[in-house]
PDB file of all heavy atoms in Angstrom:
ATOM      1  N   GLY A   1      -9.551   5.126   1.920  1.00  0.00           N
ATOM      2  CA  GLY A   1      -8.536   5.721   1.021  1.00  0.00           C
ATOM      3  C   GLY A   1      -7.835   4.694   0.097  1.00  0.00           C
ATOM      4  O   GLY A   1      -8.363   3.513  -0.154  1.00  0.00           O
ATOM      5  N   MET A   2      -6.731   5.127  -0.497  1.00  0.00           N
ATOM      6  CA  MET A   2      -6.163   4.400  -1.512  1.00  0.00           C
ATOM      7  C   MET A   2      -5.111   3.409  -1.076  1.00  0.00           C
ATOM      8  O   MET A   2      -4.522   2.620  -1.914  1.00  0.00           O
ATOM      9  CB  MET A   2      -5.368   5.345  -2.449  1.00  0.00           C
ATOM     10  CG  MET A   2      -6.247   6.261  -3.330  1.00  0.00           C
ATOM     11  SD  MET A   2      -7.332   5.270  -4.390  1.00  0.00           S
ATOM     12  CE  MET A   2      -6.197   4.351  -5.286  1.00  0.00           C
ATOM     13  N   ALA A   3      -4.890   3.280   0.186  1.00  0.00           N
ATOM     14  CA  ALA A   3      -3.961   2.269   0.654  1.00  0.00           C
ATOM     15  C   ALA A   3      -4.418   0.827   0.387  1.00  0.00           C
ATOM     16  O   ALA A   3      -3.606  -0.039  -0.127  1.00  0.00           O
ATOM     17  CB  ALA A   3      -3.711   2.436   2.197  1.00  0.00           C
ATOM     18  N   GLY A   4      -5.656   0.646   0.686  1.00  0.00           N
ATOM     19  CA  GLY A   4      -6.228  -0.761   0.419  1.00  0.00           C
ATOM     20  C   GLY A   4      -6.104  -1.272  -0.998  1.00  0.00           C
ATOM     21  O   GLY A   4      -5.616  -2.288  -1.303  1.00  0.00           O
ATOM     22  N   PRO A   5      -6.769  -0.540  -1.968  1.00  0.00           N
ATOM     23  CA  PRO A   5      -6.695  -0.942  -3.343  1.00  0.00           C
ATOM     24  C   PRO A   5      -5.207  -1.077  -3.932  1.00  0.00           C
ATOM     25  O   PRO A   5      -4.955  -1.886  -4.675  1.00  0.00           O
ATOM     26  CB  PRO A   5      -7.496   0.132  -4.178  1.00  0.00           C
ATOM     27  CG  PRO A   5      -7.703   1.170  -3.248  1.00  0.00           C
ATOM     28  CD  PRO A   5      -7.622   0.672  -1.846  1.00  0.00           C
ATOM     29  N   THR A   6      -4.371  -0.133  -3.437  1.00  0.00           N
ATOM     30  CA  THR A   6      -2.925  -0.216  -3.927  1.00  0.00           C
ATOM     31  C   THR A   6      -2.286  -1.442  -3.407  1.00  0.00           C
ATOM     32  O   THR A   6      -1.540  -2.273  -4.126  1.00  0.00           O
ATOM     33  CB  THR A   6      -2.222   0.991  -3.472  1.00  0.00           C
ATOM     34  OG1 THR A   6      -2.757   2.180  -3.973  1.00  0.00           O
ATOM     35  CG2 THR A   6      -0.732   0.942  -4.002  1.00  0.00           C
ATOM     36  N   TYR A   7      -2.457  -1.838  -2.163  1.00  0.00           N
ATOM     37  CA  TYR A   7      -1.818  -3.041  -1.574  1.00  0.00           C
ATOM     38  C   TYR A   7      -2.471  -4.348  -2.261  1.00  0.00           C
ATOM     39  O   TYR A   7      -1.790  -5.194  -2.569  1.00  0.00           O
ATOM     40  CB  TYR A   7      -2.092  -3.206  -0.148  1.00  0.00           C
ATOM     41  CG  TYR A   7      -0.925  -2.560   0.712  1.00  0.00           C
ATOM     42  CD1 TYR A   7      -1.200  -1.536   1.544  1.00  0.00           C
ATOM     43  CD2 TYR A   7       0.311  -2.989   0.618  1.00  0.00           C
ATOM     44  CE1 TYR A   7      -0.219  -0.989   2.349  1.00  0.00           C
ATOM     45  CE2 TYR A   7       1.437  -2.415   1.286  1.00  0.00           C
ATOM     46  CZ  TYR A   7       1.109  -1.436   2.150  1.00  0.00           C
ATOM     47  OH  TYR A   7       2.157  -0.847   2.926  1.00  0.00           O
ATOM     48  N   GLU A   8      -3.814  -4.333  -2.603  1.00  0.00           N
ATOM     49  CA  GLU A   8      -4.378  -5.330  -3.304  1.00  0.00           C
ATOM     50  C   GLU A   8      -3.720  -5.550  -4.689  1.00  0.00           C
ATOM     51  O   GLU A   8      -3.448  -6.715  -5.072  1.00  0.00           O
ATOM     52  CB  GLU A   8      -5.891  -5.111  -3.476  1.00  0.00           C
ATOM     53  CG  GLU A   8      -6.729  -5.358  -2.280  1.00  0.00           C
ATOM     54  CD  GLU A   8      -8.160  -5.036  -2.530  1.00  0.00           C
ATOM     55  OE1 GLU A   8      -8.712  -6.022  -3.281  1.00  0.00           O
ATOM     56  OE2 GLU A   8      -8.807  -4.035  -2.063  1.00  0.00           O
ATOM     57  N   LEU A   9      -3.556  -4.454  -5.421  1.00  0.00           N
ATOM     58  CA  LEU A   9      -2.886  -4.562  -6.752  1.00  0.00           C
ATOM     59  C   LEU A   9      -1.512  -5.089  -6.561  1.00  0.00           C
ATOM     60  O   LEU A   9      -0.992  -5.937  -7.370  1.00  0.00           O
ATOM     61  CB  LEU A   9      -2.905  -3.138  -7.382  1.00  0.00           C
ATOM     62  CG  LEU A   9      -2.009  -2.986  -8.603  1.00  0.00           C
ATOM     63  CD1 LEU A   9      -2.621  -3.738  -9.747  1.00  0.00           C
ATOM     64  CD2 LEU A   9      -1.777  -1.521  -8.994  1.00  0.00           C
ATOM     65  N   LEU A  10      -0.598  -4.503  -5.651  1.00  0.00           N
ATOM     66  CA  LEU A  10       0.638  -4.902  -5.443  1.00  0.00           C
ATOM     67  C   LEU A  10       0.801  -6.409  -5.125  1.00  0.00           C
ATOM     68  O   LEU A  10       1.638  -7.142  -5.911  1.00  0.00           O
ATOM     69  CB  LEU A  10       1.368  -4.090  -4.483  1.00  0.00           C
ATOM     70  CG  LEU A  10       1.529  -2.586  -4.696  1.00  0.00           C
ATOM     71  CD1 LEU A  10       2.028  -1.882  -3.378  1.00  0.00           C
ATOM     72  CD2 LEU A  10       2.583  -2.441  -5.806  1.00  0.00           C
ATOM     73  N   LEU A  11       0.021  -6.920  -4.274  1.00  0.00           N
ATOM     74  CA  LEU A  11       0.094  -8.258  -3.801  1.00  0.00           C
ATOM     75  C   LEU A  11      -0.395  -9.184  -4.913  1.00  0.00           C
ATOM     76  O   LEU A  11       0.234 -10.303  -5.158  1.00  0.00           O
ATOM     77  CB  LEU A  11      -0.779  -8.522  -2.564  1.00  0.00           C
ATOM     78  CG  LEU A  11      -0.259  -7.833  -1.278  1.00  0.00           C
ATOM     79  CD1 LEU A  11      -1.256  -7.881  -0.132  1.00  0.00           C
ATOM     80  CD2 LEU A  11       1.090  -8.514  -0.856  1.00  0.00           C
ATOM     81  N   ASP A  12      -1.440  -8.811  -5.637  1.00  0.00           N
ATOM     82  CA  ASP A  12      -1.978  -9.670  -6.774  1.00  0.00           C
ATOM     83  C   ASP A  12      -0.912  -9.674  -7.925  1.00  0.00           C
ATOM     84  O   ASP A  12      -0.925 -10.594  -8.784  1.00  0.00           O
ATOM     85  CB  ASP A  12      -3.240  -9.105  -7.226  1.00  0.00           C
ATOM     86  CG  ASP A  12      -4.427  -9.370  -6.313  1.00  0.00           C
ATOM     87  OD1 ASP A  12      -4.160 -10.233  -5.381  1.00  0.00           O
ATOM     88  OD2 ASP A  12      -5.493  -8.817  -6.539  1.00  0.00           O
ATOM     89  N   SER A  13      -0.034  -8.662  -8.066  1.00  0.00           N
ATOM     90  CA  SER A  13       1.009  -8.603  -9.062  1.00  0.00           C
ATOM     91  C   SER A  13       2.320  -9.273  -8.709  1.00  0.00           C
ATOM     92  O   SER A  13       3.238  -9.310  -9.513  1.00  0.00           O
ATOM     93  CB  SER A  13       1.315  -7.131  -9.373  1.00  0.00           C
ATOM     94  OG  SER A  13       0.206  -6.466  -9.848  1.00  0.00           O
ATOM     95  N   GLY A  14       2.303  -9.828  -7.414  1.00  0.00           N
ATOM     96  CA  GLY A  14       3.566 -10.575  -7.012  1.00  0.00           C
ATOM     97  C   GLY A  14       4.527  -9.807  -6.166  1.00  0.00           C
ATOM     98  O   GLY A  14       5.527 -10.337  -5.702  1.00  0.00           O
ATOM     99  N   TRP A  15       4.148  -8.571  -5.977  1.00  0.00           N
ATOM    100  CA  TRP A  15       4.945  -7.703  -4.997  1.00  0.00           C
ATOM    101  C   TRP A  15       4.837  -8.289  -3.616  1.00  0.00           C
ATOM    102  O   TRP A  15       3.859  -8.763  -3.131  1.00  0.00           O
ATOM    103  CB  TRP A  15       4.509  -6.347  -5.141  1.00  0.00           C
ATOM    104  CG  TRP A  15       5.178  -5.379  -4.103  1.00  0.00           C
ATOM    105  CD1 TRP A  15       6.300  -4.700  -4.261  1.00  0.00           C
ATOM    106  CD2 TRP A  15       4.788  -5.107  -2.675  1.00  0.00           C
ATOM    107  NE1 TRP A  15       6.604  -3.954  -3.148  1.00  0.00           N
ATOM    108  CE2 TRP A  15       5.610  -4.206  -2.143  1.00  0.00           C
ATOM    109  CE3 TRP A  15       3.707  -5.629  -2.025  1.00  0.00           C
ATOM    110  CZ2 TRP A  15       5.561  -3.776  -0.878  1.00  0.00           C
ATOM    111  CZ3 TRP A  15       3.477  -5.063  -0.611  1.00  0.00           C
ATOM    112  CH2 TRP A  15       4.496  -4.291  -0.146  1.00  0.00           C
ATOM    113  N   THR A  16       5.916  -8.218  -2.873  1.00  0.00           N
ATOM    114  CA  THR A  16       6.019  -8.529  -1.400  1.00  0.00           C
ATOM    115  C   THR A  16       6.836  -7.378  -0.761  1.00  0.00           C
ATOM    116  O   THR A  16       7.474  -6.610  -1.347  1.00  0.00           O
ATOM    117  CB  THR A  16       6.693  -9.874  -1.161  1.00  0.00           C
ATOM    118  OG1 THR A  16       8.110  -9.793  -1.363  1.00  0.00           O
ATOM    119  CG2 THR A  16       6.123 -11.059  -2.007  1.00  0.00           C
ATOM    120  N   PRO A  17       6.733  -7.324   0.574  1.00  0.00           N
ATOM    121  CA  PRO A  17       7.326  -6.300   1.287  1.00  0.00           C
ATOM    122  C   PRO A  17       8.859  -6.423   1.212  1.00  0.00           C
ATOM    123  O   PRO A  17       9.556  -5.486   1.423  1.00  0.00           O
ATOM    124  CB  PRO A  17       6.985  -6.582   2.752  1.00  0.00           C
ATOM    125  CG  PRO A  17       5.516  -7.125   2.720  1.00  0.00           C
ATOM    126  CD  PRO A  17       5.593  -7.928   1.507  1.00  0.00           C
ATOM    127  N   ASP A  18       9.334  -7.661   0.766  1.00  0.00           N
ATOM    128  CA  ASP A  18      10.778  -7.814   0.469  1.00  0.00           C
ATOM    129  C   ASP A  18      11.198  -7.433  -0.948  1.00  0.00           C
ATOM    130  O   ASP A  18      12.402  -7.495  -1.240  1.00  0.00           O
ATOM    131  CB  ASP A  18      11.228  -9.251   0.728  1.00  0.00           C
ATOM    132  CG  ASP A  18      10.957  -9.658   2.169  1.00  0.00           C
ATOM    133  OD1 ASP A  18      11.173  -8.818   3.103  1.00  0.00           O
ATOM    134  OD2 ASP A  18      10.622 -10.758   2.427  1.00  0.00           O
ATOM    135  N   SER A  19      10.234  -7.041  -1.749  1.00  0.00           N
ATOM    136  CA  SER A  19      10.522  -6.602  -3.180  1.00  0.00           C
ATOM    137  C   SER A  19      11.383  -5.330  -3.062  1.00  0.00           C
ATOM    138  O   SER A  19      11.376  -4.511  -2.113  1.00  0.00           O
ATOM    139  CB  SER A  19       9.391  -6.392  -3.925  1.00  0.00           C
ATOM    140  OG  SER A  19       8.624  -7.734  -3.902  1.00  0.00           O
ATOM    141  N   PRO A  20      12.160  -4.990  -4.246  1.00  0.00           N
ATOM    142  CA  PRO A  20      12.931  -3.760  -4.300  1.00  0.00           C
ATOM    143  C   PRO A  20      12.142  -2.457  -4.132  1.00  0.00           C
ATOM    144  O   PRO A  20      12.549  -1.556  -3.545  1.00  0.00           O
ATOM    145  CB  PRO A  20      13.662  -3.852  -5.640  1.00  0.00           C
ATOM    146  CG  PRO A  20      13.684  -5.350  -5.933  1.00  0.00           C
ATOM    147  CD  PRO A  20      12.416  -5.873  -5.345  1.00  0.00           C
ATOM    148  N   ILE A  21      10.844  -2.531  -4.636  1.00  0.00           N
ATOM    149  CA  ILE A  21      10.050  -1.315  -4.486  1.00  0.00           C
ATOM    150  C   ILE A  21       9.448  -1.206  -3.150  1.00  0.00           C
ATOM    151  O   ILE A  21       8.766  -2.201  -2.590  1.00  0.00           O
ATOM    152  CB  ILE A  21       8.872  -1.441  -5.554  1.00  0.00           C
ATOM    153  CG1 ILE A  21       9.421  -1.287  -6.925  1.00  0.00           C
ATOM    154  CG2 ILE A  21       7.770  -0.255  -5.276  1.00  0.00           C
ATOM    155  CD1 ILE A  21       8.321  -1.538  -8.040  1.00  0.00           C
ATOM    156  N   GLN A  22       9.797  -0.115  -2.504  1.00  0.00           N
ATOM    157  CA  GLN A  22       9.300   0.058  -1.107  1.00  0.00           C
ATOM    158  C   GLN A  22       7.944   0.772  -1.084  1.00  0.00           C
ATOM    159  O   GLN A  22       7.752   1.609  -1.912  1.00  0.00           O
ATOM    160  CB  GLN A  22      10.330   0.867  -0.386  1.00  0.00           C
ATOM    161  CG  GLN A  22      11.765   0.290  -0.133  1.00  0.00           C
ATOM    162  CD  GLN A  22      12.672   1.280   0.565  1.00  0.00           C
ATOM    163  OE1 GLN A  22      12.278   2.325   1.027  1.00  0.00           O
ATOM    164  NE2 GLN A  22      13.943   0.875   0.695  1.00  0.00           N
ATOM    165  N   VAL A  23       7.200   0.388  -0.041  1.00  0.00           N
ATOM    166  CA  VAL A  23       5.937   1.155  -0.007  1.00  0.00           C
ATOM    167  C   VAL A  23       5.792   1.603   1.599  1.00  0.00           C
ATOM    168  O   VAL A  23       6.035   0.838   2.490  1.00  0.00           O
ATOM    169  CB  VAL A  23       4.752   0.104  -0.199  1.00  0.00           C
ATOM    170  CG1 VAL A  23       3.439   0.815   0.039  1.00  0.00           C
ATOM    171  CG2 VAL A  23       4.785  -0.385  -1.583  1.00  0.00           C
ATOM    172  N   GLU A  24       5.487   2.849   1.678  1.00  0.00           N
ATOM    173  CA  GLU A  24       5.323   3.513   3.047  1.00  0.00           C
ATOM    174  C   GLU A  24       3.885   4.146   3.058  1.00  0.00           C
ATOM    175  O   GLU A  24       3.575   5.040   2.209  1.00  0.00           O
ATOM    176  CB  GLU A  24       6.416   4.550   3.280  1.00  0.00           C
ATOM    177  CG  GLU A  24       6.315   5.196   4.631  1.00  0.00           C
ATOM    178  CD  GLU A  24       7.357   6.181   4.918  1.00  0.00           C
ATOM    179  OE1 GLU A  24       8.394   6.191   4.195  1.00  0.00           O
ATOM    180  OE2 GLU A  24       7.132   7.060   5.801  1.00  0.00           O
ATOM    181  N   VAL A  25       3.105   3.882   4.055  1.00  0.00           N
ATOM    182  CA  VAL A  25       1.882   4.533   4.444  1.00  0.00           C
ATOM    183  C   VAL A  25       2.149   5.594   5.262  1.00  0.00           C
ATOM    184  O   VAL A  25       2.653   5.477   6.477  1.00  0.00           O
ATOM    185  CB  VAL A  25       0.905   3.500   5.012  1.00  0.00           C
ATOM    186  CG1 VAL A  25      -0.364   4.230   5.346  1.00  0.00           C
ATOM    187  CG2 VAL A  25       0.727   2.391   3.990  1.00  0.00           C
ATOM    188  N   VAL A  26       1.758   6.840   4.909  1.00  0.00           N
ATOM    189  CA  VAL A  26       1.819   8.053   5.694  1.00  0.00           C
ATOM    190  C   VAL A  26       0.470   8.421   6.199  1.00  0.00           C
ATOM    191  O   VAL A  26      -0.372   8.912   5.445  1.00  0.00           O
ATOM    192  CB  VAL A  26       2.542   9.215   4.888  1.00  0.00           C
ATOM    193  CG1 VAL A  26       2.588  10.406   5.792  1.00  0.00           C
ATOM    194  CG2 VAL A  26       3.840   8.773   4.245  1.00  0.00           C
ATOM    195  N   PRO A  27       0.133   8.133   7.604  1.00  0.00           N
ATOM    196  CA  PRO A  27      -1.149   8.441   7.977  1.00  0.00           C
ATOM    197  C   PRO A  27      -1.506   9.920   8.107  1.00  0.00           C
ATOM    198  O   PRO A  27      -0.619  10.771   8.154  1.00  0.00           O
ATOM    199  CB  PRO A  27      -1.182   7.794   9.302  1.00  0.00           C
ATOM    200  CG  PRO A  27       0.305   7.837   9.768  1.00  0.00           C
ATOM    201  CD  PRO A  27       1.050   7.682   8.577  1.00  0.00           C
ATOM    202  N   GLY A  28      -2.770  10.205   7.990  1.00  0.00           N
ATOM    203  CA  GLY A  28      -3.264  11.580   8.172  1.00  0.00           C
ATOM    204  C   GLY A  28      -4.492  11.637   9.029  1.00  0.00           C
ATOM    205  O   GLY A  28      -5.068  10.585   9.428  1.00  0.00           O
ATOM    206  N   SER A  29      -4.881  12.792   9.291  1.00  0.00           N
ATOM    207  CA  SER A  29      -6.108  13.056  10.188  1.00  0.00           C
ATOM    208  C   SER A  29      -7.354  12.596   9.330  1.00  0.00           C
ATOM    209  O   SER A  29      -7.581  13.123   8.292  1.00  0.00           O
ATOM    210  CB  SER A  29      -6.236  14.514  10.617  1.00  0.00           C
ATOM    211  OG  SER A  29      -7.348  14.756  11.241  1.00  0.00           O
ATOM    212  N   THR A  30      -8.131  11.646   9.955  1.00  0.00           N
ATOM    213  CA  THR A  30      -9.321  11.251   9.233  1.00  0.00           C
ATOM    214  C   THR A  30     -10.404  12.316   9.130  1.00  0.00           C
ATOM    215  O   THR A  30     -10.412  13.233  10.014  1.00  0.00           O
ATOM    216  CB  THR A  30      -9.896   9.974   9.890  1.00  0.00           C
ATOM    217  OG1 THR A  30     -10.391  10.405  11.132  1.00  0.00           O
ATOM    218  CG2 THR A  30      -8.975   8.946  10.088  1.00  0.00           C
ATOM    219  N   ALA A  31     -11.355  12.208   8.258  1.00  0.00           N
ATOM    220  CA  ALA A  31     -12.422  13.081   8.106  1.00  0.00           C
ATOM    221  C   ALA A  31     -13.274  13.027   9.381  1.00  0.00           C
ATOM    222  O   ALA A  31     -13.767  14.078   9.913  1.00  0.00           O
ATOM    223  CB  ALA A  31     -13.349  12.679   6.860  1.00  0.00           C
ATOM    224  N   LEU A  32     -13.468  11.819   9.992  1.00  0.00           N
ATOM    225  CA  LEU A  32     -14.305  11.771  11.268  1.00  0.00           C
ATOM    226  C   LEU A  32     -13.610  12.513  12.381  1.00  0.00           C
ATOM    227  O   LEU A  32     -14.341  13.182  13.228  1.00  0.00           O
ATOM    228  CB  LEU A  32     -14.644  10.353  11.534  1.00  0.00           C
ATOM    229  CG  LEU A  32     -13.603   9.296  11.882  1.00  0.00           C
ATOM    230  CD1 LEU A  32     -13.261   9.266  13.444  1.00  0.00           C
ATOM    231  CD2 LEU A  32     -14.086   7.888  11.537  1.00  0.00           C
TER     232      LEU A  32
END
């Protein structure tokens, strides 16, 4: 899903978990 590419973009842009913008992953039931 989109969690991987989004984290890649954020980290490459200089974002860190301590940055003002918060990121929360909300898990769901997988297709499998």
